[in-house]
PDB file of N, CA and C in Angstrom:
ATOM      1  N   ILE A   1       0.192 -11.611  -4.611  1.00  0.00           N
ATOM      2  CA  ILE A   1      -0.758 -12.162  -5.942  1.00  0.00           C
ATOM      3  C   ILE A   1      -2.035 -11.654  -5.989  1.00  0.00           C
ATOM      4  N   GLU A   2      -2.586 -11.574  -4.887  1.00  0.00           N
ATOM      5  CA  GLU A   2      -4.014 -10.812  -4.692  1.00  0.00           C
ATOM      6  C   GLU A   2      -4.287  -9.538  -5.297  1.00  0.00           C
ATOM      7  N   GLU A   3      -3.260  -8.835  -5.372  1.00  0.00           N
ATOM      8  CA  GLU A   3      -3.123  -7.434  -5.652  1.00  0.00           C
ATOM      9  C   GLU A   3      -2.481  -7.273  -6.988  1.00  0.00           C
ATOM     10  N   ILE A   4      -2.607  -8.621  -8.074  1.00  0.00           N
ATOM     11  CA  ILE A   4      -1.939  -8.369  -9.357  1.00  0.00           C
ATOM     12  C   ILE A   4      -0.576  -7.965  -9.481  1.00  0.00           C
ATOM     13  N   VAL A   5       0.192  -7.817  -8.534  1.00  0.00           N
ATOM     14  CA  VAL A   5       1.620  -7.022  -8.835  1.00  0.00           C
ATOM     15  C   VAL A   5       2.578  -7.894 -10.035  1.00  0.00           C
ATOM     16  N   PRO A   6       2.815  -9.368  -9.934  1.00  0.00           N
ATOM     17  CA  PRO A   6       3.920  -9.757 -10.687  1.00  0.00           C
ATOM     18  C   PRO A   6       3.198  -9.618 -12.013  1.00  0.00           C
ATOM     19  N   GLN A   7       4.516  -9.527 -12.873  1.00  0.00           N
ATOM     20  CA  GLN A   7       4.346  -9.844 -14.101  1.00  0.00           C
ATOM     21  C   GLN A   7       5.144 -10.577 -14.997  1.00  0.00           C
ATOM     22  N   CYS A   8       6.680 -10.044 -15.092  1.00  0.00           N
ATOM     23  CA  CYS A   8       7.647 -11.020 -15.852  1.00  0.00           C
ATOM     24  C   CYS A   8       8.632 -11.598 -14.615  1.00  0.00           C
ATOM     25  N   GLY A   9       8.210 -10.789 -13.155  1.00  0.00           N
ATOM     26  CA  GLY A   9       8.880 -11.628 -11.957  1.00  0.00           C
ATOM     27  C   GLY A   9      10.379 -11.289 -11.558  1.00  0.00           C
ATOM     28  N   TYR A  10      11.070 -10.688 -12.534  1.00  0.00           N
ATOM     29  CA  TYR A  10      12.274 -10.699 -12.431  1.00  0.00           C
ATOM     30  C   TYR A  10      12.755  -9.536 -11.218  1.00  0.00           C
ATOM     31  N   CYS A  11      12.005  -8.792 -10.902  1.00  0.00           N
ATOM     32  CA  CYS A  11      12.360  -7.931  -9.675  1.00  0.00           C
ATOM     33  C   CYS A  11      11.788  -8.395  -8.469  1.00  0.00           C
ATOM     34  N   GLN A  12      10.860  -9.133  -8.551  1.00  0.00           N
ATOM     35  CA  GLN A  12      10.052  -9.694  -7.130  1.00  0.00           C
ATOM     36  C   GLN A  12      10.802  -9.893  -6.241  1.00  0.00           C
ATOM     37  N   PRO A  13      11.734 -11.030  -6.284  1.00  0.00           N
ATOM     38  CA  PRO A  13      12.672 -11.125  -5.054  1.00  0.00           C
ATOM     39  C   PRO A  13      13.406 -10.047  -4.096  1.00  0.00           C
ATOM     40  N   GLY A  14      14.041  -8.996  -5.186  1.00  0.00           N
ATOM     41  CA  GLY A  14      14.252  -7.738  -4.567  1.00  0.00           C
ATOM     42  C   GLY A  14      13.042  -6.641  -3.810  1.00  0.00           C
ATOM     43  N   PHE A  15      11.789  -6.498  -4.570  1.00  0.00           N
ATOM     44  CA  PHE A  15      10.744  -6.099  -3.751  1.00  0.00           C
ATOM     45  C   PHE A  15      10.601  -6.729  -2.373  1.00  0.00           C
ATOM     46  N   MET A  16      10.466  -8.209  -2.679  1.00  0.00           N
ATOM     47  CA  MET A  16       9.938  -8.622  -1.345  1.00  0.00           C
ATOM     48  C   MET A  16      10.749  -8.341   0.143  1.00  0.00           C
ATOM     49  N   MET A  17      12.195  -8.386  -0.446  1.00  0.00           N
ATOM     50  CA  MET A  17      13.288  -8.452   0.772  1.00  0.00           C
ATOM     51  C   MET A  17      13.020  -6.989   0.814  1.00  0.00           C
ATOM     52  N   ALA A  18      12.971  -5.973   0.177  1.00  0.00           N
ATOM     53  CA  ALA A  18      13.077  -4.714   0.619  1.00  0.00           C
ATOM     54  C   ALA A  18      11.595  -4.230   1.386  1.00  0.00           C
ATOM     55  N   THR A  19      10.531  -4.994   0.813  1.00  0.00           N
ATOM     56  CA  THR A  19       9.452  -4.540   1.602  1.00  0.00           C
ATOM     57  C   THR A  19       9.645  -5.317   2.879  1.00  0.00           C
ATOM     58  N   ALA A  20      10.050  -6.284   3.080  1.00  0.00           N
ATOM     59  CA  ALA A  20      10.242  -7.029   4.215  1.00  0.00           C
ATOM     60  C   ALA A  20      11.115  -6.144   5.462  1.00  0.00           C
ATOM     61  N   ALA A  21      11.917  -5.527   4.883  1.00  0.00           N
ATOM     62  CA  ALA A  21      12.937  -4.773   5.676  1.00  0.00           C
ATOM     63  C   ALA A  21      12.102  -3.542   6.071  1.00  0.00           C
ATOM     64  N   LEU A  22      11.476  -2.968   5.076  1.00  0.00           N
ATOM     65  CA  LEU A  22      10.618  -1.441   5.191  1.00  0.00           C
ATOM     66  C   LEU A  22       9.501  -1.699   6.486  1.00  0.00           C
ATOM     67  N   LEU A  23       8.720  -2.980   5.965  1.00  0.00           N
ATOM     68  CA  LEU A  23       7.722  -3.340   7.188  1.00  0.00           C
ATOM     69  C   LEU A  23       8.197  -3.489   8.539  1.00  0.00           C
ATOM     70  N   ASN A  24       9.650  -4.202   9.033  1.00  0.00           N
ATOM     71  CA  ASN A  24      10.294  -4.541  10.312  1.00  0.00           C
ATOM     72  C   ASN A  24      10.338  -2.777  10.700  1.00  0.00           C
ATOM     73  N   LYS A  25      10.598  -1.976   9.702  1.00  0.00           N
ATOM     74  CA  LYS A  25      11.305  -0.702  10.131  1.00  0.00           C
ATOM     75  C   LYS A  25       9.986   0.357  10.356  1.00  0.00           C
ATOM     76  N   ILE A  26       9.217   0.355   9.441  1.00  0.00           N
ATOM     77  CA  ILE A  26       7.874   1.148   9.471  1.00  0.00           C
ATOM     78  C   ILE A  26       6.768   0.260   9.212  1.00  0.00           C
ATOM     79  N   PRO A  27       6.278   0.042  10.435  1.00  0.00           N
ATOM     80  CA  PRO A  27       5.352  -1.074  10.350  1.00  0.00           C
ATOM     81  C   PRO A  27       3.752  -0.820   9.430  1.00  0.00           C
ATOM     82  N   GLN A  28       3.626   0.784   9.136  1.00  0.00           N
ATOM     83  CA  GLN A  28       2.430   1.575   8.749  1.00  0.00           C
ATOM     84  C   GLN A  28       3.052   2.858   7.437  1.00  0.00           C
ATOM     85  N   PRO A  29       3.540   2.115   6.633  1.00  0.00           N
ATOM     86  CA  PRO A  29       4.607   3.180   5.850  1.00  0.00           C
ATOM     87  C   PRO A  29       3.661   3.620   4.752  1.00  0.00           C
ATOM     88  N   THR A  30       3.941   5.261   4.557  1.00  0.00           N
ATOM     89  CA  THR A  30       3.027   5.748   3.639  1.00  0.00           C
ATOM     90  C   THR A  30       3.850   5.579   2.305  1.00  0.00           C
ATOM     91  N   ASP A  31       3.394   6.252   1.197  1.00  0.00           N
ATOM     92  CA  ASP A  31       3.875   6.204  -0.103  1.00  0.00           C
ATOM     93  C   ASP A  31       5.031   6.822  -0.546  1.00  0.00           C
ATOM     94  N   GLU A  32       5.188   7.686   0.650  1.00  0.00           N
ATOM     95  CA  GLU A  32       6.728   8.352   0.549  1.00  0.00           C
ATOM     96  C   GLU A  32       7.613   7.600   1.228  1.00  0.00           C
ATOM     97  N   ASP A  33       7.031   6.990   2.197  1.00  0.00           N
ATOM     98  CA  ASP A  33       8.382   6.140   2.787  1.00  0.00           C
ATOM     99  C   ASP A  33       8.463   4.970   2.146  1.00  0.00           C
ATOM    100  N   MET A  34       7.588   4.485   1.092  1.00  0.00           N
ATOM    101  CA  MET A  34       8.041   3.199   0.356  1.00  0.00           C
ATOM    102  C   MET A  34       9.094   4.157  -0.804  1.00  0.00           C
ATOM    103  N   ASP A  35       8.653   5.040  -1.582  1.00  0.00           N
ATOM    104  CA  ASP A  35       9.274   5.508  -2.010  1.00  0.00           C
ATOM    105  C   ASP A  35      11.176   5.970  -1.670  1.00  0.00           C
ATOM    106  N   GLU A  36      11.046   6.176  -0.524  1.00  0.00           N
ATOM    107  CA  GLU A  36      12.322   6.558   0.076  1.00  0.00           C
ATOM    108  C   GLU A  36      13.198   5.432   0.348  1.00  0.00           C
ATOM    109  N   ASN A  37      12.460   4.047   1.035  1.00  0.00           N
ATOM    110  CA  ASN A  37      13.169   2.983   1.331  1.00  0.00           C
ATOM    111  C   ASN A  37      13.409   1.776   0.546  1.00  0.00           C
ATOM    112  N   ILE A  38      12.521   2.069  -0.616  1.00  0.00           N
ATOM    113  CA  ILE A  38      12.379   0.839  -1.664  1.00  0.00           C
ATOM    114  C   ILE A  38      12.714   1.530  -3.390  1.00  0.00           C
ATOM    115  N   THR A  39      14.169   1.195  -3.152  1.00  0.00           N
ATOM    116  CA  THR A  39      14.424   1.715  -4.552  1.00  0.00           C
ATOM    117  C   THR A  39      14.922   0.863  -5.754  1.00  0.00           C
ATOM    118  N   ASN A  40      14.081  -0.193  -5.935  1.00  0.00           N
ATOM    119  CA  ASN A  40      14.212  -1.057  -6.428  1.00  0.00           C
ATOM    120  C   ASN A  40      13.543  -0.629  -7.566  1.00  0.00           C
ATOM    121  N   VAL A  41      14.064  -1.508  -9.211  1.00  0.00           N
ATOM    122  CA  VAL A  41      13.631  -0.902 -10.631  1.00  0.00           C
ATOM    123  C   VAL A  41      12.587  -2.021 -10.978  1.00  0.00           C
ATOM    124  N   CYS A  42      11.362  -1.894 -11.264  1.00  0.00           N
ATOM    125  CA  CYS A  42      10.428  -2.608 -12.227  1.00  0.00           C
ATOM    126  C   CYS A  42      10.680  -2.124 -13.478  1.00  0.00           C
ATOM    127  N   ARG A  43      10.838  -3.128 -14.362  1.00  0.00           N
ATOM    128  CA  ARG A  43      10.773  -2.539 -15.914  1.00  0.00           C
ATOM    129  C   ARG A  43       9.190  -2.438 -16.148  1.00  0.00           C
ATOM    130  N   CYS A  44       8.276  -3.449 -15.609  1.00  0.00           N
ATOM    131  CA  CYS A  44       7.194  -3.465 -15.810  1.00  0.00           C
ATOM    132  C   CYS A  44       6.231  -2.391 -15.538  1.00  0.00           C
ATOM    133  N   ALA A  45       6.727  -1.678 -14.861  1.00  0.00           N
ATOM    134  CA  ALA A  45       6.097  -0.063 -13.793  1.00  0.00           C
ATOM    135  C   ALA A  45       4.769  -0.586 -13.097  1.00  0.00           C
ATOM    136  N   THR A  46       4.771  -1.349 -12.531  1.00  0.00           N
ATOM    137  CA  THR A  46       3.752  -2.065 -11.704  1.00  0.00           C
ATOM    138  C   THR A  46       3.862  -1.447 -10.269  1.00  0.00           C
ATOM    139  N   TYR A  47       4.397  -0.221  -9.843  1.00  0.00           N
ATOM    140  CA  TYR A  47       4.708   0.231  -8.960  1.00  0.00           C
ATOM    141  C   TYR A  47       3.352   1.014  -7.985  1.00  0.00           C
ATOM    142  N   PHE A  48       2.245   0.985  -8.798  1.00  0.00           N
ATOM    143  CA  PHE A  48       1.404   1.486  -8.240  1.00  0.00           C
ATOM    144  C   PHE A  48       0.518   0.197  -7.170  1.00  0.00           C
ATOM    145  N   ARG A  49       0.733  -0.880  -8.199  1.00  0.00           N
ATOM    146  CA  ARG A  49       0.007  -2.089  -7.385  1.00  0.00           C
ATOM    147  C   ARG A  49       0.942  -2.561  -6.616  1.00  0.00           C
ATOM    148  N   MET A  50       2.298  -2.185  -6.537  1.00  0.00           N
ATOM    149  CA  MET A  50       2.926  -2.686  -5.681  1.00  0.00           C
ATOM    150  C   MET A  50       2.945  -1.815  -4.031  1.00  0.00           C
ATOM    151  N   ARG A  51       2.621  -0.779  -4.320  1.00  0.00           N
ATOM    152  CA  ARG A  51       2.211  -0.103  -3.199  1.00  0.00           C
ATOM    153  C   ARG A  51       0.968  -0.422  -2.721  1.00  0.00           C
ATOM    154  N   LYS A  52      -0.310  -0.630  -3.157  1.00  0.00           N
ATOM    155  CA  LYS A  52      -1.207  -1.239  -2.936  1.00  0.00           C
ATOM    156  C   LYS A  52      -1.214  -2.809  -2.368  1.00  0.00           C
ATOM    157  N   ALA A  53      -0.087  -3.169  -2.746  1.00  0.00           N
ATOM    158  CA  ALA A  53      -0.124  -4.697  -2.013  1.00  0.00           C
ATOM    159  C   ALA A  53       1.074  -4.754  -0.603  1.00  0.00           C
ATOM    160  N   ILE A  54       1.923  -3.565  -0.900  1.00  0.00           N
ATOM    161  CA  ILE A  54       2.646  -3.069   0.432  1.00  0.00           C
ATOM    162  C   ILE A  54       1.634  -2.910   1.642  1.00  0.00           C
ATOM    163  N   HIS A  55       0.753  -1.930   1.233  1.00  0.00           N
ATOM    164  CA  HIS A  55      -0.491  -1.365   2.196  1.00  0.00           C
ATOM    165  C   HIS A  55      -1.085  -2.487   2.827  1.00  0.00           C
ATOM    166  N   ARG A  56      -1.915  -3.266   1.767  1.00  0.00           N
ATOM    167  CA  ARG A  56      -2.191  -4.710   2.077  1.00  0.00           C
ATOM    168  C   ARG A  56      -1.560  -5.454   3.380  1.00  0.00           C
ATOM    169  N   ALA A  57      -0.123  -5.609   2.836  1.00  0.00           N
ATOM    170  CA  ALA A  57       1.004  -6.435   3.786  1.00  0.00           C
ATOM    171  C   ALA A  57       0.790  -5.767   5.095  1.00  0.00           C
ATOM    172  N   ALA A  58       1.170  -4.458   5.344  1.00  0.00           N
ATOM    173  CA  ALA A  58       1.157  -4.161   6.428  1.00  0.00           C
ATOM    174  C   ALA A  58      -0.047  -4.159   7.661  1.00  0.00           C
ATOM    175  N   GLU A  59      -1.143  -3.967   6.537  1.00  0.00           N
ATOM    176  CA  GLU A  59      -2.181  -4.372   7.374  1.00  0.00           C
ATOM    177  C   GLU A  59      -2.506  -5.608   7.989  1.00  0.00           C
ATOM    178  N   LEU A  60      -2.086  -6.894   7.016  1.00  0.00           N
ATOM    179  CA  LEU A  60      -2.250  -7.870   7.744  1.00  0.00           C
ATOM    180  C   LEU A  60      -1.226  -8.570   8.651  1.00  0.00           C
ATOM    181  N   LYS A  61      -0.226  -7.901   8.670  1.00  0.00           N
ATOM    182  CA  LYS A  61       0.836  -7.930   9.583  1.00  0.00           C
ATOM    183  C   LYS A  61       0.307  -7.427  10.911  1.00  0.00           C
ATOM    184  N   MET A  62      -0.183  -6.299  10.446  1.00  0.00           N
ATOM    185  CA  MET A  62      -0.879  -5.556  11.926  1.00  0.00           C
ATOM    186  C   MET A  62      -1.823  -6.556  12.651  1.00  0.00           C
ATOM    187  N   THR A  63      -2.907  -7.009  11.950  1.00  0.00           N
ATOM    188  CA  THR A  63      -3.725  -8.201  12.614  1.00  0.00           C
ATOM    189  C   THR A  63      -3.352  -9.107  12.984  1.00  0.00           C
ATOM    190  N   ALA A  64      -2.032  -9.774  12.069  1.00  0.00           N
ATOM    191  CA  ALA A  64      -1.745 -10.770  12.591  1.00  0.00           C
ATOM    192  C   ALA A  64      -1.053 -10.598  14.200  1.00  0.00           C
ATOM    193  N   ASN A  65      -0.291  -9.633  13.874  1.00  0.00           N
ATOM    194  CA  ASN A  65       0.460  -9.084  15.759  1.00  0.00           C
ATOM    195  C   ASN A  65      -0.452  -8.965  16.462  1.00  0.00           C
ATOM    196  N   GLN A  66      -1.626  -8.186  16.190  1.00  0.00           N
ATOM    197  CA  GLN A  66      -2.466  -8.148  17.107  1.00  0.00           C
ATOM    198  C   GLN A  66      -3.265  -9.195  17.757  1.00  0.00           C
ATOM    199  N   ALA A  67      -3.330 -10.502  16.858  1.00  0.00           N
ATOM    200  CA  ALA A  67      -4.057 -11.270  17.386  1.00  0.00           C
ATOM    201  C   ALA A  67      -3.376 -12.218  18.110  1.00  0.00           C
ATOM    202  N   ILE A  68      -1.620 -12.558  18.154  1.00  0.00           N
ATOM    203  CA  ILE A  68      -0.651 -13.028  18.930  1.00  0.00           C
ATOM    204  C   ILE A  68      -1.009 -12.489  20.475  1.00  0.00           C
ATOM    205  N   GLN A  69      -1.001 -10.842  20.231  1.00  0.00           N
ATOM    206  CA  GLN A  69      -0.627 -10.328  21.475  1.00  0.00           C
ATOM    207  C   GLN A  69      -2.223 -10.320  22.287  1.00  0.00           C
ATOM    208  N   ASP A  70      -3.477 -10.618  21.704  1.00  0.00           N
ATOM    209  CA  ASP A  70      -4.953 -11.076  22.453  1.00  0.00           C
ATOM    210  C   ASP A  70      -4.611 -12.358  22.745  1.00  0.00           C
ATOM    211  N   GLU A  71      -3.634 -13.108  22.637  1.00  0.00           N
ATOM    212  CA  GLU A  71      -4.162 -14.656  22.817  1.00  0.00           C
ATOM    213  C   GLU A  71      -3.238 -14.893  24.433  1.00  0.00           C
TER     214      GLU A  71
END
C-alpha cells in the first residue's frame, strides 16, 4: 500500500501469493527474478510499482529476520 500499487485490486491476491513464494525462494530477487517467477497479469499495468513494492518487502523481511536472529 505504501508504494501505491493497487488500483482495481483484481490481480492483487495472485500477486501477493506469487510474491510470497518468490521471497521464500529468492530472498533478494532482482527484476529479472521477478519477471521469471511472477507471471501474473495486471490489466492496470502497475508492474513498475509492484517491483518497487517487492524490493521493499524483501528488505523488510530481511530486516525482520535479522532482528529475530539478534534476539
